[in-house]
């Protein structure tokens, strides 16, 4: 049984993205910049380094207003060159 994301969410709602990318200083700024374009707000992402320090995991929560916003952010966050995965 396939369930679509929009069937599981009731908008508006809090929605957390987890972004894994290379441990470069610009990673957080690029992630927040993309999020600001689609969900303006004041964000304080949580950053956790990998065990070897090569990657960072960033968690950022937005107030999602519709499914198109959620899906667009998945795509645009994934399009950042130094991002390896978006959950």
N, C-alpha and C. Protein backbone atom coordinates (compact mmCIF):
# COMPACT_ATOMS: atom_id res chain seq x y z
N UNK A 1 0.84 -1.19 0.00
CA UNK A 1 0.00 0.00 0.00
C UNK A 1 0.88 1.24 0.00
N UNK A 2 0.67 2.11 -1.00
CA UNK A 2 1.42 3.35 -1.07
C UNK A 2 0.59 4.47 -0.48
N UNK A 3 1.20 5.23 0.43
CA UNK A 3 0.53 6.38 1.01
C UNK A 3 1.28 7.62 0.58
N UNK A 4 0.56 8.61 0.13
CA UNK A 4 1.20 9.85 -0.29
C UNK A 4 1.40 10.74 0.92
N UNK A 5 2.49 11.52 0.86
CA UNK A 5 2.84 12.41 1.97
C UNK A 5 1.70 13.37 2.30
N UNK A 6 1.05 13.90 1.27
CA UNK A 6 -0.03 14.86 1.54
C UNK A 6 -1.23 14.22 2.22
N UNK A 7 -1.34 12.89 2.17
CA UNK A 7 -2.41 12.20 2.88
C UNK A 7 -2.08 12.03 4.37
N UNK A 8 -0.81 12.13 4.70
CA UNK A 8 -0.37 11.95 6.09
C UNK A 8 -0.30 13.27 6.86
N UNK A 9 -0.20 14.37 6.14
CA UNK A 9 -0.01 15.67 6.78
C UNK A 9 -1.28 16.50 6.73
N UNK A 10 -1.47 17.29 7.78
CA UNK A 10 -2.57 18.24 7.81
C UNK A 10 -1.95 19.62 7.92
N UNK A 11 -2.17 20.46 6.93
CA UNK A 11 -1.51 21.77 6.85
C UNK A 11 -2.36 22.84 7.49
N UNK A 12 -1.72 23.86 8.09
CA UNK A 12 -0.28 24.02 8.30
C UNK A 12 0.23 23.09 9.40
N UNK A 13 1.52 22.75 9.31
CA UNK A 13 2.13 21.87 10.30
C UNK A 13 3.63 22.12 10.38
N UNK A 14 4.23 21.66 11.46
CA UNK A 14 5.69 21.69 11.57
C UNK A 14 6.25 20.54 10.76
N UNK A 15 7.31 20.81 10.00
CA UNK A 15 7.91 19.78 9.17
C UNK A 15 9.42 19.91 9.28
N UNK A 16 10.08 18.82 9.66
CA UNK A 16 11.53 18.85 9.85
C UNK A 16 12.24 18.16 8.70
N UNK A 17 13.24 18.84 8.17
CA UNK A 17 14.12 18.28 7.14
C UNK A 17 15.43 17.93 7.81
N UNK A 18 16.00 16.81 7.39
CA UNK A 18 17.33 16.42 7.84
C UNK A 18 18.20 16.38 6.59
N UNK A 19 19.22 17.20 6.56
CA UNK A 19 20.07 17.35 5.39
C UNK A 19 21.47 16.87 5.75
N UNK A 20 22.01 15.96 4.96
CA UNK A 20 23.38 15.52 5.17
C UNK A 20 24.23 16.03 4.02
N UNK A 21 25.35 16.67 4.38
CA UNK A 21 26.21 17.23 3.36
C UNK A 21 27.65 17.28 3.82
N UNK A 22 28.52 17.69 2.89
CA UNK A 22 29.94 17.81 3.19
C UNK A 22 30.15 18.85 4.30
N UNK A 23 31.11 18.59 5.16
CA UNK A 23 31.39 19.47 6.29
C UNK A 23 32.15 20.71 5.82
N UNK A 24 31.45 21.58 5.11
CA UNK A 24 32.04 22.82 4.62
C UNK A 24 31.33 23.98 5.29
N UNK A 25 32.06 25.08 5.52
CA UNK A 25 31.46 26.22 6.25
C UNK A 25 30.19 26.78 5.60
N UNK A 26 30.09 26.69 4.29
CA UNK A 26 28.94 27.29 3.60
C UNK A 26 27.69 26.41 3.61
N UNK A 27 27.78 25.19 4.09
CA UNK A 27 26.64 24.27 4.05
C UNK A 27 25.42 24.84 4.76
N UNK A 28 25.58 25.30 5.98
CA UNK A 28 24.44 25.80 6.76
C UNK A 28 23.83 27.02 6.08
N UNK A 29 24.66 27.95 5.61
CA UNK A 29 24.15 29.16 4.96
C UNK A 29 23.37 28.82 3.70
N UNK A 30 23.85 27.86 2.92
CA UNK A 30 23.15 27.48 1.70
C UNK A 30 21.81 26.82 2.00
N UNK A 31 21.79 25.96 3.01
CA UNK A 31 20.54 25.29 3.41
C UNK A 31 19.53 26.33 3.90
N UNK A 32 19.95 27.21 4.79
CA UNK A 32 19.03 28.22 5.33
C UNK A 32 18.57 29.16 4.22
N UNK A 33 19.45 29.50 3.28
CA UNK A 33 19.08 30.35 2.16
C UNK A 33 17.96 29.75 1.32
N UNK A 34 18.05 28.47 1.02
CA UNK A 34 17.02 27.79 0.24
C UNK A 34 15.72 27.75 1.04
N UNK A 35 15.79 27.43 2.31
CA UNK A 35 14.59 27.36 3.15
C UNK A 35 13.92 28.74 3.23
N UNK A 36 14.71 29.80 3.37
CA UNK A 36 14.17 31.16 3.48
C UNK A 36 13.38 31.56 2.24
N UNK A 37 13.79 31.06 1.06
CA UNK A 37 13.08 31.41 -0.18
C UNK A 37 11.64 30.90 -0.16
N UNK A 38 11.42 29.76 0.44
CA UNK A 38 10.11 29.11 0.39
C UNK A 38 9.33 29.18 1.70
N UNK A 39 10.03 29.41 2.80
CA UNK A 39 9.37 29.49 4.11
C UNK A 39 10.12 30.52 4.95
N UNK A 40 9.91 31.81 4.65
CA UNK A 40 10.63 32.85 5.39
C UNK A 40 10.41 32.73 6.89
N UNK A 41 11.47 32.93 7.63
CA UNK A 41 11.39 32.84 9.08
C UNK A 41 12.77 32.93 9.70
N UNK A 42 12.80 32.85 11.01
CA UNK A 42 14.05 32.90 11.76
C UNK A 42 14.39 31.47 12.16
N UNK A 43 15.47 30.92 11.58
CA UNK A 43 15.81 29.52 11.78
C UNK A 43 17.11 29.34 12.55
N UNK A 44 17.10 28.36 13.44
CA UNK A 44 18.30 27.95 14.16
C UNK A 44 18.45 26.45 13.95
N UNK A 45 19.12 26.06 12.86
CA UNK A 45 19.27 24.63 12.58
C UNK A 45 20.17 23.93 13.58
N UNK A 46 19.93 22.65 13.79
CA UNK A 46 20.78 21.81 14.64
C UNK A 46 21.81 21.14 13.75
N UNK A 47 23.07 21.22 14.13
CA UNK A 47 24.15 20.67 13.31
C UNK A 47 24.90 19.60 14.12
N UNK A 48 25.05 18.42 13.50
CA UNK A 48 25.80 17.34 14.14
C UNK A 48 26.85 16.84 13.16
N UNK A 49 28.12 16.79 13.59
CA UNK A 49 29.16 16.27 12.70
C UNK A 49 29.16 14.74 12.68
N UNK A 50 29.63 14.16 11.58
CA UNK A 50 29.78 12.71 11.50
C UNK A 50 30.95 12.28 12.38
N UNK A 51 31.09 10.99 12.59
CA UNK A 51 32.14 10.49 13.49
C UNK A 51 33.54 10.85 13.00
N UNK A 52 33.75 10.87 11.70
CA UNK A 52 35.06 11.24 11.17
C UNK A 52 35.16 12.72 10.83
N UNK A 53 34.05 13.44 10.93
CA UNK A 53 34.05 14.87 10.68
C UNK A 53 34.00 15.27 9.22
N UNK A 54 33.76 14.32 8.33
CA UNK A 54 33.71 14.64 6.89
C UNK A 54 32.35 15.21 6.47
N UNK A 55 31.32 14.92 7.24
CA UNK A 55 29.96 15.33 6.89
C UNK A 55 29.28 15.97 8.09
N UNK A 56 28.26 16.78 7.78
CA UNK A 56 27.42 17.36 8.82
C UNK A 56 25.98 16.99 8.54
N UNK A 57 25.24 16.76 9.61
CA UNK A 57 23.81 16.52 9.53
C UNK A 57 23.13 17.77 10.08
N UNK A 58 22.25 18.36 9.28
CA UNK A 58 21.55 19.58 9.68
C UNK A 58 20.07 19.25 9.78
N UNK A 59 19.47 19.59 10.91
CA UNK A 59 18.02 19.45 11.09
C UNK A 59 17.43 20.85 11.14
N UNK A 60 16.40 21.07 10.32
CA UNK A 60 15.76 22.39 10.29
C UNK A 60 14.26 22.17 10.18
N UNK A 61 13.49 22.87 11.02
CA UNK A 61 12.05 22.71 11.06
C UNK A 61 11.38 23.96 10.53
N UNK A 62 10.42 23.75 9.61
CA UNK A 62 9.66 24.86 9.06
C UNK A 62 8.20 24.72 9.44
N UNK A 63 7.46 25.81 9.25
CA UNK A 63 6.00 25.75 9.38
C UNK A 63 5.47 25.59 7.96
N UNK A 64 5.18 24.36 7.57
CA UNK A 64 4.74 24.06 6.21
C UNK A 64 3.28 24.45 6.02
N UNK A 65 3.00 25.10 4.89
CA UNK A 65 1.64 25.56 4.62
C UNK A 65 0.93 24.74 3.56
N UNK A 66 1.69 24.03 2.70
CA UNK A 66 1.07 23.18 1.68
C UNK A 66 2.08 22.16 1.15
N UNK A 67 1.59 21.12 0.50
CA UNK A 67 2.43 20.01 0.06
C UNK A 67 3.43 20.45 -1.01
N UNK A 68 3.07 21.40 -1.87
CA UNK A 68 3.99 21.88 -2.90
C UNK A 68 5.24 22.51 -2.27
N UNK A 69 5.05 23.21 -1.18
CA UNK A 69 6.18 23.82 -0.47
C UNK A 69 7.12 22.74 0.05
N UNK A 70 6.58 21.69 0.64
CA UNK A 70 7.38 20.60 1.18
C UNK A 70 8.17 19.90 0.07
N UNK A 71 7.50 19.60 -1.04
CA UNK A 71 8.15 18.89 -2.14
C UNK A 71 9.20 19.76 -2.84
N UNK A 72 8.91 21.04 -3.01
CA UNK A 72 9.87 21.96 -3.64
C UNK A 72 11.13 22.07 -2.79
N UNK A 73 10.97 22.14 -1.49
CA UNK A 73 12.14 22.22 -0.61
C UNK A 73 12.96 20.94 -0.67
N UNK A 74 12.33 19.78 -0.72
CA UNK A 74 13.09 18.52 -0.88
C UNK A 74 13.97 18.60 -2.11
N UNK A 75 13.38 19.04 -3.23
CA UNK A 75 14.12 19.09 -4.49
C UNK A 75 15.26 20.12 -4.43
N UNK A 76 14.94 21.33 -4.00
CA UNK A 76 15.95 22.40 -4.01
C UNK A 76 17.07 22.16 -3.00
N UNK A 77 16.75 21.58 -1.86
CA UNK A 77 17.81 21.25 -0.89
C UNK A 77 18.71 20.17 -1.48
N UNK A 78 18.13 19.20 -2.16
CA UNK A 78 18.91 18.14 -2.79
C UNK A 78 19.77 18.63 -3.94
N UNK A 79 19.40 19.76 -4.54
CA UNK A 79 20.15 20.33 -5.66
C UNK A 79 21.41 21.09 -5.23
N UNK A 80 21.57 21.34 -3.93
CA UNK A 80 22.78 22.02 -3.45
C UNK A 80 23.96 21.07 -3.67
N UNK A 81 25.02 21.58 -4.30
CA UNK A 81 26.17 20.75 -4.70
C UNK A 81 26.76 19.91 -3.57
N UNK A 82 26.89 20.50 -2.39
CA UNK A 82 27.58 19.78 -1.31
C UNK A 82 26.63 18.96 -0.43
N UNK A 83 25.34 18.95 -0.78
CA UNK A 83 24.36 18.12 -0.06
C UNK A 83 24.37 16.72 -0.66
N UNK A 84 24.41 15.71 0.20
CA UNK A 84 24.42 14.32 -0.26
C UNK A 84 23.07 13.62 -0.09
N UNK A 85 22.25 14.08 0.89
CA UNK A 85 20.97 13.41 1.14
C UNK A 85 20.03 14.35 1.88
N UNK A 86 18.75 14.26 1.56
CA UNK A 86 17.72 15.03 2.27
C UNK A 86 16.64 14.04 2.72
N UNK A 87 16.37 14.04 4.01
CA UNK A 87 15.34 13.18 4.58
C UNK A 87 14.22 14.02 5.17
